[in-house]
N, C-alpha and C. Protein backbone atom coordinates (compact mmCIF):
# COMPACT_ATOMS: atom_id res chain seq x y z
N MET A 1 1.44 13.25 -2.95
CA MET A 1 1.84 12.78 -1.64
C MET A 1 0.77 11.93 -0.85
N TYR A 2 1.10 10.97 -0.27
CA TYR A 2 0.17 10.17 0.51
C TYR A 2 -0.35 10.87 1.76
N THR A 3 -1.55 10.89 2.04
CA THR A 3 -2.15 11.45 3.27
C THR A 3 -2.91 10.42 4.09
N TRP A 4 -3.51 10.74 5.14
CA TRP A 4 -4.14 9.82 6.10
C TRP A 4 -5.39 9.16 5.40
N LYS A 5 -5.97 9.96 4.45
CA LYS A 5 -7.22 9.40 3.94
C LYS A 5 -7.04 8.76 2.54
N THR A 6 -5.81 8.55 2.12
CA THR A 6 -5.50 7.85 0.87
C THR A 6 -5.78 6.35 1.06
N LEU A 7 -6.68 5.86 0.27
CA LEU A 7 -7.10 4.51 0.47
C LEU A 7 -6.49 3.64 -0.64
N SER A 8 -5.98 4.21 -1.70
CA SER A 8 -5.34 3.39 -2.82
C SER A 8 -4.02 3.99 -3.09
N PHE A 9 -3.43 3.49 -4.19
CA PHE A 9 -2.02 3.95 -4.55
C PHE A 9 -2.18 5.44 -4.96
N GLY A 10 -1.08 6.17 -4.74
CA GLY A 10 -0.97 7.49 -5.25
C GLY A 10 -0.55 7.43 -6.65
N ASP A 11 -0.47 8.69 -7.25
CA ASP A 11 -0.05 8.76 -8.68
C ASP A 11 1.34 8.26 -8.86
N PRO A 12 1.50 7.30 -9.82
CA PRO A 12 2.93 6.80 -10.03
C PRO A 12 3.77 7.95 -10.69
N LEU A 13 4.96 8.03 -10.15
CA LEU A 13 5.94 9.12 -10.57
C LEU A 13 7.07 8.63 -11.28
N SER A 14 7.08 7.24 -11.62
CA SER A 14 8.19 6.67 -12.28
C SER A 14 7.64 5.39 -12.93
N PRO A 15 8.34 4.97 -14.14
CA PRO A 15 7.89 3.83 -14.84
C PRO A 15 7.87 2.56 -13.89
N THR A 16 8.78 2.45 -12.88
CA THR A 16 8.77 1.25 -12.09
C THR A 16 7.51 1.23 -11.25
N MET A 17 7.17 2.33 -10.67
CA MET A 17 5.97 2.38 -9.92
C MET A 17 4.63 2.10 -10.68
N GLU A 18 4.66 2.59 -11.94
CA GLU A 18 3.60 2.16 -12.80
C GLU A 18 3.39 0.73 -13.04
N GLN A 19 4.62 0.05 -13.21
CA GLN A 19 4.55 -1.39 -13.40
C GLN A 19 4.12 -2.09 -12.12
N MET A 20 4.50 -1.66 -10.92
CA MET A 20 4.03 -2.18 -9.69
C MET A 20 2.52 -2.09 -9.54
N ILE A 21 1.97 -0.92 -9.89
CA ILE A 21 0.56 -0.72 -9.74
C ILE A 21 -0.14 -1.74 -10.72
N MET A 22 0.39 -1.86 -11.87
CA MET A 22 -0.32 -2.71 -12.87
C MET A 22 -0.25 -4.20 -12.40
N PHE A 23 0.90 -4.56 -11.76
CA PHE A 23 1.09 -6.00 -11.23
C PHE A 23 0.12 -6.14 -10.10
N HIS A 24 -0.10 -5.01 -9.24
CA HIS A 24 -1.01 -5.16 -8.18
C HIS A 24 -2.47 -5.48 -8.69
N ASP A 25 -2.85 -4.76 -9.67
CA ASP A 25 -4.22 -4.95 -10.29
C ASP A 25 -4.30 -6.38 -10.91
N HIS A 26 -3.18 -6.79 -11.51
CA HIS A 26 -3.26 -8.18 -12.20
C HIS A 26 -3.38 -9.23 -11.11
N THR A 27 -2.51 -9.09 -10.03
CA THR A 27 -2.67 -9.99 -8.98
C THR A 27 -3.93 -10.07 -8.29
N MET A 28 -4.57 -8.89 -8.09
CA MET A 28 -5.87 -8.81 -7.36
C MET A 28 -6.99 -9.49 -8.30
N MET A 29 -6.80 -9.41 -9.62
CA MET A 29 -7.78 -10.17 -10.47
C MET A 29 -7.62 -11.67 -10.27
N VAL A 30 -6.38 -12.11 -10.22
CA VAL A 30 -6.15 -13.55 -9.95
C VAL A 30 -6.73 -14.04 -8.67
N ILE A 31 -6.46 -13.15 -7.59
CA ILE A 31 -6.99 -13.55 -6.25
C ILE A 31 -8.57 -13.58 -6.26
N MET A 32 -9.26 -12.65 -7.04
CA MET A 32 -10.60 -12.58 -7.04
C MET A 32 -11.20 -13.89 -7.74
N ILE A 33 -10.52 -14.24 -8.78
CA ILE A 33 -11.03 -15.50 -9.48
C ILE A 33 -10.87 -16.74 -8.54
N ILE A 34 -9.79 -16.85 -7.81
CA ILE A 34 -9.58 -17.94 -7.02
C ILE A 34 -10.61 -17.97 -5.84
N THR A 35 -10.77 -16.72 -5.28
CA THR A 35 -11.83 -16.63 -4.20
C THR A 35 -13.18 -16.95 -4.62
N THR A 36 -13.58 -16.51 -5.87
CA THR A 36 -14.89 -16.81 -6.35
C THR A 36 -15.04 -18.36 -6.54
N MET A 37 -14.05 -18.99 -7.09
CA MET A 37 -14.11 -20.48 -7.38
C MET A 37 -14.28 -21.14 -6.04
N VAL A 38 -13.53 -20.83 -4.98
CA VAL A 38 -13.54 -21.51 -3.68
C VAL A 38 -14.89 -21.24 -3.04
N MET A 39 -15.37 -20.02 -3.03
CA MET A 39 -16.59 -19.74 -2.37
C MET A 39 -17.75 -20.51 -3.03
N TYR A 40 -17.72 -20.57 -4.43
CA TYR A 40 -18.90 -21.24 -5.16
C TYR A 40 -18.75 -22.72 -4.77
N THR A 41 -17.54 -23.34 -4.68
CA THR A 41 -17.48 -24.79 -4.37
C THR A 41 -17.89 -25.06 -2.96
N MET A 42 -17.53 -24.21 -1.97
CA MET A 42 -18.02 -24.36 -0.62
C MET A 42 -19.52 -24.30 -0.54
N TYR A 43 -20.08 -23.21 -1.19
CA TYR A 43 -21.54 -23.18 -1.14
C TYR A 43 -22.29 -24.31 -1.77
N TYR A 44 -21.83 -24.82 -2.96
CA TYR A 44 -22.32 -25.99 -3.53
C TYR A 44 -22.23 -27.28 -2.67
N MET A 45 -21.10 -27.39 -1.89
CA MET A 45 -21.02 -28.55 -1.09
C MET A 45 -21.97 -28.42 0.14
N MET A 46 -22.20 -27.28 0.51
CA MET A 46 -23.23 -27.10 1.67
C MET A 46 -24.70 -27.37 1.27
N ILE A 47 -24.99 -27.02 0.10
CA ILE A 47 -26.41 -27.30 -0.29
C ILE A 47 -26.63 -28.55 -1.03
N ASN A 48 -25.51 -29.31 -1.42
CA ASN A 48 -25.73 -30.57 -2.08
C ASN A 48 -25.74 -31.65 -0.99
N LYS A 49 -26.80 -32.50 -1.12
CA LYS A 49 -26.95 -33.56 -0.08
C LYS A 49 -26.45 -34.88 -0.66
N MET A 50 -26.01 -34.93 -1.90
CA MET A 50 -25.67 -36.17 -2.45
C MET A 50 -24.28 -36.69 -1.91
N THR A 51 -24.04 -37.82 -1.63
CA THR A 51 -22.80 -38.46 -1.21
C THR A 51 -22.52 -39.76 -1.95
N ASN A 52 -21.29 -40.04 -2.02
CA ASN A 52 -20.81 -41.34 -2.71
C ASN A 52 -19.93 -42.11 -1.71
N ILE A 53 -20.46 -43.04 -1.02
CA ILE A 53 -19.75 -43.76 -0.05
C ILE A 53 -18.73 -44.83 -0.64
N PHE A 54 -18.89 -45.10 -1.89
CA PHE A 54 -18.14 -46.11 -2.62
C PHE A 54 -16.96 -45.53 -3.32
N MET A 55 -16.89 -44.18 -3.40
CA MET A 55 -15.71 -43.53 -4.05
C MET A 55 -14.49 -43.54 -3.12
N THR A 56 -13.39 -44.19 -3.60
CA THR A 56 -12.17 -44.20 -2.75
C THR A 56 -11.04 -43.37 -3.29
N GLN A 57 -11.18 -43.01 -4.60
CA GLN A 57 -10.21 -42.14 -5.21
C GLN A 57 -10.84 -41.43 -6.36
N ALA A 58 -10.17 -40.31 -6.73
CA ALA A 58 -10.58 -39.41 -7.86
C ALA A 58 -9.35 -38.82 -8.49
N GLN A 59 -8.78 -39.64 -9.31
CA GLN A 59 -7.42 -39.11 -9.82
C GLN A 59 -7.63 -37.87 -10.68
N MET A 60 -8.66 -37.83 -11.50
CA MET A 60 -8.87 -36.66 -12.39
C MET A 60 -9.08 -35.39 -11.54
N ILE A 61 -9.74 -35.44 -10.42
CA ILE A 61 -10.01 -34.31 -9.54
C ILE A 61 -8.63 -33.93 -8.98
N GLU A 62 -7.83 -34.87 -8.47
CA GLU A 62 -6.60 -34.55 -7.97
C GLU A 62 -5.58 -33.96 -8.90
N LEU A 63 -5.74 -34.41 -10.18
CA LEU A 63 -4.88 -33.88 -11.24
C LEU A 63 -5.30 -32.36 -11.48
N PHE A 64 -6.56 -32.16 -11.53
CA PHE A 64 -7.19 -30.79 -11.78
C PHE A 64 -6.69 -29.86 -10.70
N TRP A 65 -6.84 -30.21 -9.31
CA TRP A 65 -6.56 -29.22 -8.31
C TRP A 65 -5.02 -29.21 -8.04
N THR A 66 -4.26 -29.91 -8.75
CA THR A 66 -2.78 -29.77 -8.74
C THR A 66 -2.17 -28.87 -9.82
N ILE A 67 -2.84 -29.12 -11.00
CA ILE A 67 -2.41 -28.27 -12.19
C ILE A 67 -2.89 -26.87 -12.14
N LEU A 68 -4.16 -26.66 -11.67
CA LEU A 68 -4.75 -25.29 -11.69
C LEU A 68 -4.13 -24.38 -10.74
N PRO A 69 -3.75 -24.80 -9.51
CA PRO A 69 -2.98 -23.80 -8.70
C PRO A 69 -1.61 -23.51 -9.29
N ALA A 70 -0.94 -24.54 -9.92
CA ALA A 70 0.35 -24.22 -10.57
C ALA A 70 0.20 -23.16 -11.64
N LEU A 71 -0.80 -23.16 -12.41
CA LEU A 71 -1.08 -22.20 -13.44
C LEU A 71 -1.32 -20.79 -12.86
N PHE A 72 -2.05 -20.77 -11.72
CA PHE A 72 -2.20 -19.48 -11.07
C PHE A 72 -0.89 -18.89 -10.56
N LEU A 73 -0.06 -19.76 -10.04
CA LEU A 73 1.23 -19.28 -9.55
C LEU A 73 2.07 -18.67 -10.63
N ILE A 74 1.99 -19.44 -11.77
CA ILE A 74 2.80 -18.97 -13.00
C ILE A 74 2.32 -17.52 -13.44
N LEU A 75 1.05 -17.43 -13.38
CA LEU A 75 0.51 -16.15 -13.88
C LEU A 75 0.90 -15.01 -12.88
N VAL A 76 1.16 -15.28 -11.72
CA VAL A 76 1.59 -14.21 -10.72
C VAL A 76 3.09 -14.16 -10.74
N ALA A 77 3.81 -15.30 -10.82
CA ALA A 77 5.31 -15.23 -10.73
C ALA A 77 5.92 -14.57 -11.95
N MET A 78 5.49 -14.74 -13.09
CA MET A 78 6.25 -14.28 -14.30
C MET A 78 6.25 -12.65 -14.22
N PRO A 79 5.08 -11.98 -14.04
CA PRO A 79 5.28 -10.52 -14.04
C PRO A 79 6.01 -10.05 -12.85
N SER A 80 5.89 -10.82 -11.71
CA SER A 80 6.73 -10.39 -10.58
C SER A 80 8.19 -10.47 -10.86
N ILE A 81 8.65 -11.46 -11.48
CA ILE A 81 10.13 -11.59 -11.73
C ILE A 81 10.55 -10.55 -12.72
N ARG A 82 9.69 -10.13 -13.77
CA ARG A 82 10.03 -9.18 -14.68
C ARG A 82 10.21 -7.85 -13.98
N ILE A 83 9.37 -7.39 -12.94
CA ILE A 83 9.43 -6.19 -12.30
C ILE A 83 10.72 -6.22 -11.46
N LEU A 84 11.05 -7.37 -10.90
CA LEU A 84 12.28 -7.42 -10.06
C LEU A 84 13.47 -7.17 -10.85
N TYR A 85 13.58 -7.67 -12.09
CA TYR A 85 14.64 -7.37 -12.97
C TYR A 85 14.66 -5.94 -13.34
N LEU A 86 13.52 -5.31 -13.65
CA LEU A 86 13.44 -3.84 -14.05
C LEU A 86 13.94 -3.02 -12.90
N ILE A 87 13.66 -3.32 -11.67
CA ILE A 87 14.10 -2.47 -10.56
C ILE A 87 15.53 -2.64 -10.42
N GLU A 88 16.24 -3.72 -10.64
CA GLU A 88 17.65 -3.85 -10.45
C GLU A 88 18.50 -3.36 -11.70
N GLU A 89 17.80 -3.25 -12.78
CA GLU A 89 18.58 -2.77 -14.06
C GLU A 89 18.99 -1.41 -13.92
N ILE A 90 20.38 -1.15 -14.00
CA ILE A 90 20.98 0.15 -14.05
C ILE A 90 21.81 0.28 -15.27
N SER A 91 21.35 0.91 -16.33
CA SER A 91 22.08 0.95 -17.55
C SER A 91 22.42 2.48 -17.86
N GLN A 92 23.76 2.58 -17.80
CA GLN A 92 24.43 3.91 -18.11
C GLN A 92 23.84 5.01 -17.44
N PRO A 93 23.88 5.09 -16.10
CA PRO A 93 23.27 6.24 -15.40
C PRO A 93 24.15 7.57 -15.62
N MET A 94 23.45 8.70 -15.63
CA MET A 94 24.04 9.89 -15.92
C MET A 94 24.97 10.28 -14.72
N MET A 95 24.51 9.98 -13.51
CA MET A 95 25.28 10.34 -12.29
C MET A 95 24.85 9.41 -11.13
N THR A 96 25.59 9.51 -10.04
CA THR A 96 25.41 8.64 -8.87
C THR A 96 25.19 9.50 -7.79
N ILE A 97 24.22 9.31 -6.97
CA ILE A 97 23.95 9.99 -5.73
C ILE A 97 24.15 9.00 -4.59
N LYS A 98 24.91 9.43 -3.51
CA LYS A 98 25.12 8.62 -2.39
C LYS A 98 24.40 9.19 -1.16
N THR A 99 23.65 8.29 -0.48
CA THR A 99 22.92 8.71 0.64
C THR A 99 23.37 7.89 1.79
N ILE A 100 23.58 8.56 2.99
CA ILE A 100 24.09 7.89 4.20
C ILE A 100 23.08 8.17 5.34
N GLY A 101 22.61 7.03 5.95
CA GLY A 101 21.68 7.16 7.05
C GLY A 101 22.40 7.40 8.38
N HIS A 102 21.88 8.29 9.19
CA HIS A 102 22.44 8.59 10.47
C HIS A 102 21.32 8.46 11.55
N GLN A 103 21.58 8.42 12.76
CA GLN A 103 20.62 8.52 13.84
C GLN A 103 20.61 10.01 14.24
N TRP A 104 19.60 10.86 13.75
CA TRP A 104 18.50 10.38 12.89
C TRP A 104 18.28 11.49 11.84
N PHE A 105 19.06 11.43 10.79
CA PHE A 105 18.99 12.37 9.61
C PHE A 105 19.73 11.56 8.44
N TRP A 106 19.50 12.26 7.30
CA TRP A 106 20.20 11.68 6.08
C TRP A 106 21.29 12.61 5.65
N SER A 107 22.39 12.15 5.01
CA SER A 107 23.30 13.07 4.42
C SER A 107 23.46 12.49 2.90
N TYR A 108 23.82 13.43 2.05
CA TYR A 108 23.81 13.19 0.60
C TYR A 108 25.19 13.69 0.05
N GLU A 109 25.62 12.95 -1.00
CA GLU A 109 26.81 13.38 -1.72
C GLU A 109 26.65 13.14 -3.24
N TYR A 110 27.04 14.32 -3.91
CA TYR A 110 27.11 14.26 -5.42
C TYR A 110 28.54 14.22 -5.74
N SER A 111 29.04 12.97 -5.97
CA SER A 111 30.46 12.81 -6.20
C SER A 111 30.89 12.76 -7.70
N ASP A 112 29.94 12.66 -8.58
CA ASP A 112 30.29 12.60 -10.03
C ASP A 112 30.53 13.92 -10.52
N LEU A 113 29.57 14.79 -10.39
CA LEU A 113 29.59 16.19 -11.10
C LEU A 113 30.41 17.17 -10.31
N LYS A 114 30.26 17.20 -9.05
CA LYS A 114 30.92 18.23 -8.21
C LYS A 114 30.91 17.66 -6.84
N LYS A 115 31.93 17.99 -6.07
CA LYS A 115 32.02 17.46 -4.70
C LYS A 115 31.02 18.25 -3.80
N ILE A 116 29.75 17.89 -3.81
CA ILE A 116 28.73 18.47 -3.06
C ILE A 116 28.29 17.53 -1.95
N GLU A 117 28.43 17.99 -0.70
CA GLU A 117 27.90 17.15 0.43
C GLU A 117 27.06 18.07 1.34
N PHE A 118 25.94 17.53 1.78
CA PHE A 118 25.06 18.21 2.85
C PHE A 118 24.23 17.26 3.61
N GLU A 119 23.75 17.73 4.74
CA GLU A 119 22.97 16.98 5.65
C GLU A 119 21.52 17.52 5.47
N SER A 120 20.66 16.47 5.75
CA SER A 120 19.19 16.91 5.57
C SER A 120 18.53 16.47 6.97
N TYR A 121 17.97 17.53 7.57
CA TYR A 121 17.23 17.32 8.86
C TYR A 121 15.80 17.70 8.68
N MET A 122 14.89 17.14 9.45
CA MET A 122 13.52 17.49 9.39
C MET A 122 13.37 18.93 9.94
N LYS A 123 12.41 19.67 9.14
CA LYS A 123 12.13 21.02 9.57
C LYS A 123 11.29 21.07 10.96
N PRO A 124 11.48 22.02 11.68
CA PRO A 124 10.47 22.24 12.86
C PRO A 124 9.12 22.31 12.44
N ILE A 125 8.26 21.65 13.13
CA ILE A 125 6.83 21.73 12.80
C ILE A 125 6.19 23.11 12.91
N SER A 126 5.60 23.55 11.86
CA SER A 126 4.93 24.83 11.72
C SER A 126 3.73 24.72 10.90
N MET A 127 2.91 25.83 10.88
CA MET A 127 1.64 25.77 10.14
C MET A 127 1.91 25.96 8.63
N LYS A 128 3.12 26.36 8.22
CA LYS A 128 3.30 26.64 6.82
C LYS A 128 4.04 25.48 6.11
N SER A 129 4.35 24.54 6.83
CA SER A 129 5.06 23.35 6.25
C SER A 129 4.24 22.05 6.47
N ILE A 130 4.49 21.05 5.61
CA ILE A 130 3.90 19.73 5.68
C ILE A 130 4.49 19.12 6.98
N ARG A 131 3.65 18.68 7.92
CA ARG A 131 4.01 18.18 9.15
C ARG A 131 4.89 16.99 9.01
N MET A 132 6.14 17.03 9.61
CA MET A 132 7.08 15.93 9.77
C MET A 132 7.55 15.40 8.36
N MET A 133 7.46 16.10 7.26
CA MET A 133 7.77 15.59 5.97
C MET A 133 8.79 16.43 5.22
N GLU A 134 8.88 17.82 5.66
CA GLU A 134 9.78 18.65 4.90
C GLU A 134 11.13 18.64 5.68
N THR A 135 12.21 18.98 4.80
CA THR A 135 13.47 18.94 5.28
C THR A 135 14.19 20.36 5.04
N ASP A 136 15.24 20.70 5.79
CA ASP A 136 15.90 21.88 5.52
C ASP A 136 16.71 21.97 4.26
N ASN A 137 17.28 20.86 3.90
CA ASN A 137 18.00 20.74 2.52
C ASN A 137 17.37 19.63 1.75
N ARG A 138 16.89 20.05 0.57
CA ARG A 138 16.25 19.09 -0.39
C ARG A 138 17.21 18.30 -1.12
N LEU A 139 16.87 17.11 -1.67
CA LEU A 139 17.69 16.37 -2.60
C LEU A 139 17.15 16.93 -3.94
N VAL A 140 17.90 17.74 -4.70
CA VAL A 140 17.57 18.19 -5.95
C VAL A 140 18.07 17.19 -7.08
N LEU A 141 17.24 16.83 -7.90
CA LEU A 141 17.45 15.78 -8.99
C LEU A 141 16.77 16.21 -10.24
N PRO A 142 17.31 15.86 -11.47
CA PRO A 142 16.66 16.19 -12.62
C PRO A 142 15.70 15.01 -13.07
N PHE A 143 14.57 15.45 -13.71
CA PHE A 143 13.64 14.41 -14.09
C PHE A 143 13.98 13.92 -15.55
N LYS A 144 13.41 12.74 -15.87
CA LYS A 144 13.66 12.12 -17.19
C LYS A 144 15.13 11.91 -17.36
N THR A 145 15.81 11.47 -16.28
CA THR A 145 17.28 11.27 -16.32
C THR A 145 17.46 9.99 -15.57
N LYS A 146 18.40 9.08 -16.10
CA LYS A 146 18.74 7.88 -15.42
C LYS A 146 19.79 8.19 -14.42
N MET A 147 19.53 7.73 -13.16
CA MET A 147 20.54 7.93 -12.06
C MET A 147 20.65 6.73 -11.20
N ARG A 148 21.75 6.65 -10.61
CA ARG A 148 22.01 5.49 -9.71
C ARG A 148 22.10 5.99 -8.33
N LEU A 149 21.39 5.29 -7.38
CA LEU A 149 21.46 5.59 -5.96
C LEU A 149 22.23 4.53 -5.22
N ILE A 150 23.21 4.98 -4.47
CA ILE A 150 23.90 4.00 -3.54
C ILE A 150 23.68 4.55 -2.17
N THR A 151 23.56 3.57 -1.20
CA THR A 151 23.21 3.96 0.08
C THR A 151 23.83 3.07 1.10
N THR A 152 24.18 3.65 2.26
CA THR A 152 24.80 2.95 3.40
C THR A 152 24.39 3.57 4.63
N SER A 153 24.96 3.17 5.83
CA SER A 153 24.58 3.75 7.05
C SER A 153 25.83 3.83 7.86
N GLU A 154 25.73 4.88 8.81
CA GLU A 154 26.87 5.11 9.81
C GLU A 154 26.70 4.36 11.09
N ASP A 155 25.49 3.88 11.40
CA ASP A 155 25.30 3.38 12.73
C ASP A 155 24.38 2.05 12.68
N VAL A 156 23.01 2.19 12.44
CA VAL A 156 22.26 1.13 12.47
C VAL A 156 21.58 1.00 11.14
N ILE A 157 20.68 -0.04 10.87
CA ILE A 157 19.97 -0.17 9.55
C ILE A 157 18.89 0.82 9.43
N HIS A 158 19.00 1.61 8.39
CA HIS A 158 17.90 2.45 7.90
C HIS A 158 17.42 1.96 6.61
N SER A 159 16.37 2.62 6.06
CA SER A 159 15.81 2.30 4.77
C SER A 159 15.30 3.58 4.00
N TRP A 160 15.99 3.83 2.92
CA TRP A 160 15.70 5.07 2.07
C TRP A 160 14.45 4.70 1.23
N THR A 161 13.37 5.41 1.32
CA THR A 161 12.19 4.92 0.71
C THR A 161 11.40 6.18 0.18
N ILE A 162 11.03 6.13 -1.08
CA ILE A 162 10.15 7.02 -1.69
C ILE A 162 9.03 6.27 -2.31
N GLN A 163 7.79 6.22 -1.70
CA GLN A 163 6.71 5.34 -2.09
C GLN A 163 6.31 5.65 -3.56
N SER A 164 6.20 6.91 -4.02
CA SER A 164 5.63 7.21 -5.26
C SER A 164 6.52 6.88 -6.45
N LEU A 165 7.90 6.70 -6.05
CA LEU A 165 8.76 6.29 -7.01
C LEU A 165 9.17 4.81 -7.05
N GLY A 166 8.58 4.09 -6.11
CA GLY A 166 8.70 2.62 -6.09
C GLY A 166 10.06 2.23 -5.60
N ILE A 167 10.71 3.01 -4.76
CA ILE A 167 12.13 2.88 -4.27
C ILE A 167 12.06 2.51 -2.74
N LYS A 168 12.90 1.45 -2.39
CA LYS A 168 12.95 1.08 -0.95
C LYS A 168 14.28 0.33 -0.97
N VAL A 169 15.38 0.97 -0.41
CA VAL A 169 16.70 0.46 -0.35
C VAL A 169 17.11 0.49 1.03
N ASP A 170 17.54 -0.61 1.55
CA ASP A 170 18.06 -0.75 2.92
C ASP A 170 19.43 -0.10 2.98
N SER A 171 19.61 0.82 3.97
CA SER A 171 20.94 1.39 4.21
C SER A 171 21.59 0.69 5.46
N MET A 172 22.69 -0.08 5.17
CA MET A 172 23.11 -0.95 6.18
C MET A 172 24.65 -0.59 6.50
N PRO A 173 25.00 -0.55 7.76
CA PRO A 173 26.42 -0.27 8.03
C PRO A 173 27.43 -1.25 7.50
N GLY A 174 28.44 -0.78 6.96
CA GLY A 174 29.49 -1.64 6.40
C GLY A 174 29.14 -2.27 4.99
N ARG A 175 28.08 -1.77 4.45
CA ARG A 175 27.57 -2.46 3.13
C ARG A 175 27.02 -1.25 2.32
N ILE A 176 27.19 -1.41 0.94
CA ILE A 176 26.63 -0.49 -0.10
C ILE A 176 25.59 -1.11 -0.88
N ASN A 177 24.34 -0.70 -0.78
CA ASN A 177 23.21 -1.14 -1.59
C ASN A 177 23.03 -0.10 -2.70
N GLN A 178 22.44 -0.46 -3.85
CA GLN A 178 22.19 0.44 -4.96
C GLN A 178 20.80 0.22 -5.57
N SER A 179 20.38 1.19 -6.28
CA SER A 179 19.07 1.15 -6.93
C SER A 179 19.10 2.18 -7.98
N SER A 180 18.15 2.13 -8.86
CA SER A 180 17.98 3.19 -9.96
C SER A 180 16.81 4.09 -9.70
N ILE A 181 17.00 5.42 -10.20
CA ILE A 181 16.06 6.38 -9.99
C ILE A 181 15.70 7.06 -11.40
N TYR A 182 14.47 7.14 -11.73
CA TYR A 182 14.05 7.74 -12.94
C TYR A 182 12.66 8.45 -12.63
N MET A 183 12.60 9.74 -12.64
CA MET A 183 11.40 10.43 -12.38
C MET A 183 10.77 10.99 -13.68
N SER A 184 9.43 10.77 -13.75
CA SER A 184 8.81 11.14 -14.96
C SER A 184 8.42 12.61 -15.17
N ARG A 185 8.31 13.28 -14.01
CA ARG A 185 7.80 14.63 -14.08
C ARG A 185 8.33 15.45 -12.92
N PRO A 186 8.36 16.76 -12.99
CA PRO A 186 8.77 17.62 -11.88
C PRO A 186 7.90 17.63 -10.69
N GLY A 187 8.40 18.09 -9.51
CA GLY A 187 7.50 18.09 -8.50
C GLY A 187 8.27 17.85 -7.18
N MET A 188 7.58 17.79 -6.04
CA MET A 188 8.20 17.56 -4.76
C MET A 188 7.79 16.17 -4.33
N PHE A 189 8.64 15.30 -4.04
CA PHE A 189 8.43 13.91 -3.64
C PHE A 189 8.82 13.68 -2.22
N PHE A 190 8.06 12.99 -1.46
CA PHE A 190 8.33 12.78 -0.10
C PHE A 190 8.47 11.31 0.34
N GLY A 191 9.25 11.07 1.27
CA GLY A 191 9.41 9.68 1.82
C GLY A 191 9.92 9.72 3.17
N GLN A 192 10.20 8.48 3.83
CA GLN A 192 10.58 8.38 5.21
C GLN A 192 11.51 7.22 5.28
N CYS A 193 12.26 7.12 6.35
CA CYS A 193 13.02 5.88 6.64
C CYS A 193 11.93 4.76 7.05
N SER A 194 12.08 3.63 6.43
CA SER A 194 11.13 2.54 6.52
C SER A 194 11.66 1.39 7.31
N GLU A 195 12.64 1.61 8.10
CA GLU A 195 13.26 0.60 8.94
C GLU A 195 13.34 1.24 10.35
N ILE A 196 12.81 0.50 11.32
CA ILE A 196 12.80 1.13 12.80
C ILE A 196 14.21 1.21 13.17
N CYS A 197 14.76 2.40 13.44
CA CYS A 197 16.10 2.61 13.66
C CYS A 197 16.47 3.32 15.05
N GLY A 198 15.43 3.38 15.82
CA GLY A 198 15.69 3.99 17.13
C GLY A 198 14.60 4.94 17.55
N ALA A 199 14.84 5.75 18.54
CA ALA A 199 13.82 6.54 19.23
C ALA A 199 13.29 7.69 18.27
N ASN A 200 14.02 8.16 17.38
CA ASN A 200 13.66 9.23 16.43
C ASN A 200 13.50 8.71 15.06
N HIS A 201 13.15 7.47 14.96
CA HIS A 201 12.95 6.90 13.58
C HIS A 201 11.97 7.70 12.74
N SER A 202 10.92 8.23 13.36
CA SER A 202 9.91 8.89 12.61
C SER A 202 10.20 10.32 12.22
N PHE A 203 11.44 10.81 12.65
CA PHE A 203 11.77 12.13 12.45
C PHE A 203 12.96 12.37 11.45
N MET A 204 13.07 11.43 10.55
CA MET A 204 14.15 11.56 9.47
C MET A 204 13.45 11.35 8.08
N PRO A 205 12.66 12.39 7.64
CA PRO A 205 11.97 12.27 6.34
C PRO A 205 12.96 12.54 5.14
N ILE A 206 12.38 12.23 3.94
CA ILE A 206 13.22 12.41 2.75
C ILE A 206 12.35 13.31 1.83
N MET A 207 12.99 14.39 1.19
CA MET A 207 12.34 15.26 0.39
C MET A 207 13.16 15.43 -0.92
N ILE A 208 12.48 15.13 -2.04
CA ILE A 208 13.21 15.26 -3.35
C ILE A 208 12.49 16.40 -4.19
N GLU A 209 13.34 17.30 -4.74
CA GLU A 209 12.78 18.25 -5.68
C GLU A 209 13.22 17.91 -7.13
N SER A 210 12.25 17.51 -7.86
CA SER A 210 12.53 17.11 -9.21
C SER A 210 12.45 18.28 -10.18
N VAL A 211 13.50 18.64 -10.89
CA VAL A 211 13.47 19.86 -11.72
C VAL A 211 14.01 19.40 -13.16
N ASN A 212 13.94 20.35 -14.12
CA ASN A 212 14.50 20.04 -15.35
C ASN A 212 16.03 20.13 -15.31
N LEU A 213 16.66 19.50 -16.35
CA LEU A 213 18.17 19.47 -16.40
C LEU A 213 18.81 20.84 -16.35
N LYS A 214 18.12 21.79 -17.04
CA LYS A 214 18.83 23.21 -16.96
C LYS A 214 18.79 23.74 -15.54
N SER A 215 17.68 23.69 -14.86
CA SER A 215 17.61 24.10 -13.49
C SER A 215 18.56 23.39 -12.58
N PHE A 216 18.73 22.10 -12.83
CA PHE A 216 19.56 21.30 -12.06
C PHE A 216 21.02 21.73 -12.09
N ILE A 217 21.43 22.01 -13.38
CA ILE A 217 22.82 22.44 -13.60
C ILE A 217 23.11 23.81 -13.00
N LYS A 218 22.02 24.66 -12.99
CA LYS A 218 22.26 25.94 -12.37
C LYS A 218 22.33 25.81 -10.88
N TRP A 219 21.57 24.87 -10.33
CA TRP A 219 21.69 24.66 -8.87
C TRP A 219 23.06 24.09 -8.54
N ILE A 220 23.48 23.24 -9.28
CA ILE A 220 24.93 22.70 -9.10
C ILE A 220 25.96 23.83 -9.07
N LYS A 221 25.82 24.66 -10.00
CA LYS A 221 26.86 25.70 -10.09
C LYS A 221 26.74 26.82 -8.94
N ASN A 222 25.54 26.98 -8.46
CA ASN A 222 25.34 27.99 -7.39
C ASN A 222 25.47 27.38 -6.01
N PHE A 223 25.71 26.05 -5.94
CA PHE A 223 25.71 25.52 -4.59
C PHE A 223 26.94 25.92 -3.79
């Protein structure tokens, strides 16, 4: 879970988030190369006293500084497009979870396996709980299982977000958006609404409990 002193990305809990972190590192390397080249050129121009008052054009230089930025853009654009397609790809999900945003809580529906519906509110702040992150009803999901998430809203625009899973889907009234969920390991994952939705925007956290498939089936039967 991300805390106030976290300076870098947290541990990735899904293949999508792993790809995003790798893309971030790749992009930072490209930016460092560009920054180094520009700073070296600026420094060389400041210490160089030579001038050429008769030069009116330099086509080779113009060709160079046109082609080189295009190559850098391609180096960044191609991995980015690949990740965008991976995020949107939903191939044969085992089940579908529907989440609905309200002012100011989330409600969930398991409509494929069994008609299960419940609301998820933030727990009162106490010394035994993670402040403003735990909910009274957790979203229980199996790990290493392909799932589809569909989301909408009853009132205003919300955003269902789990940072460690690389998921951020806007919940919009009158519209259904979808995304895929795949968790690599068990644990407790936390998120929050990432769209300013009113006075209590900060008080509608998301809490996922990732369990194995056997425990998930048992939870479904005992619900």
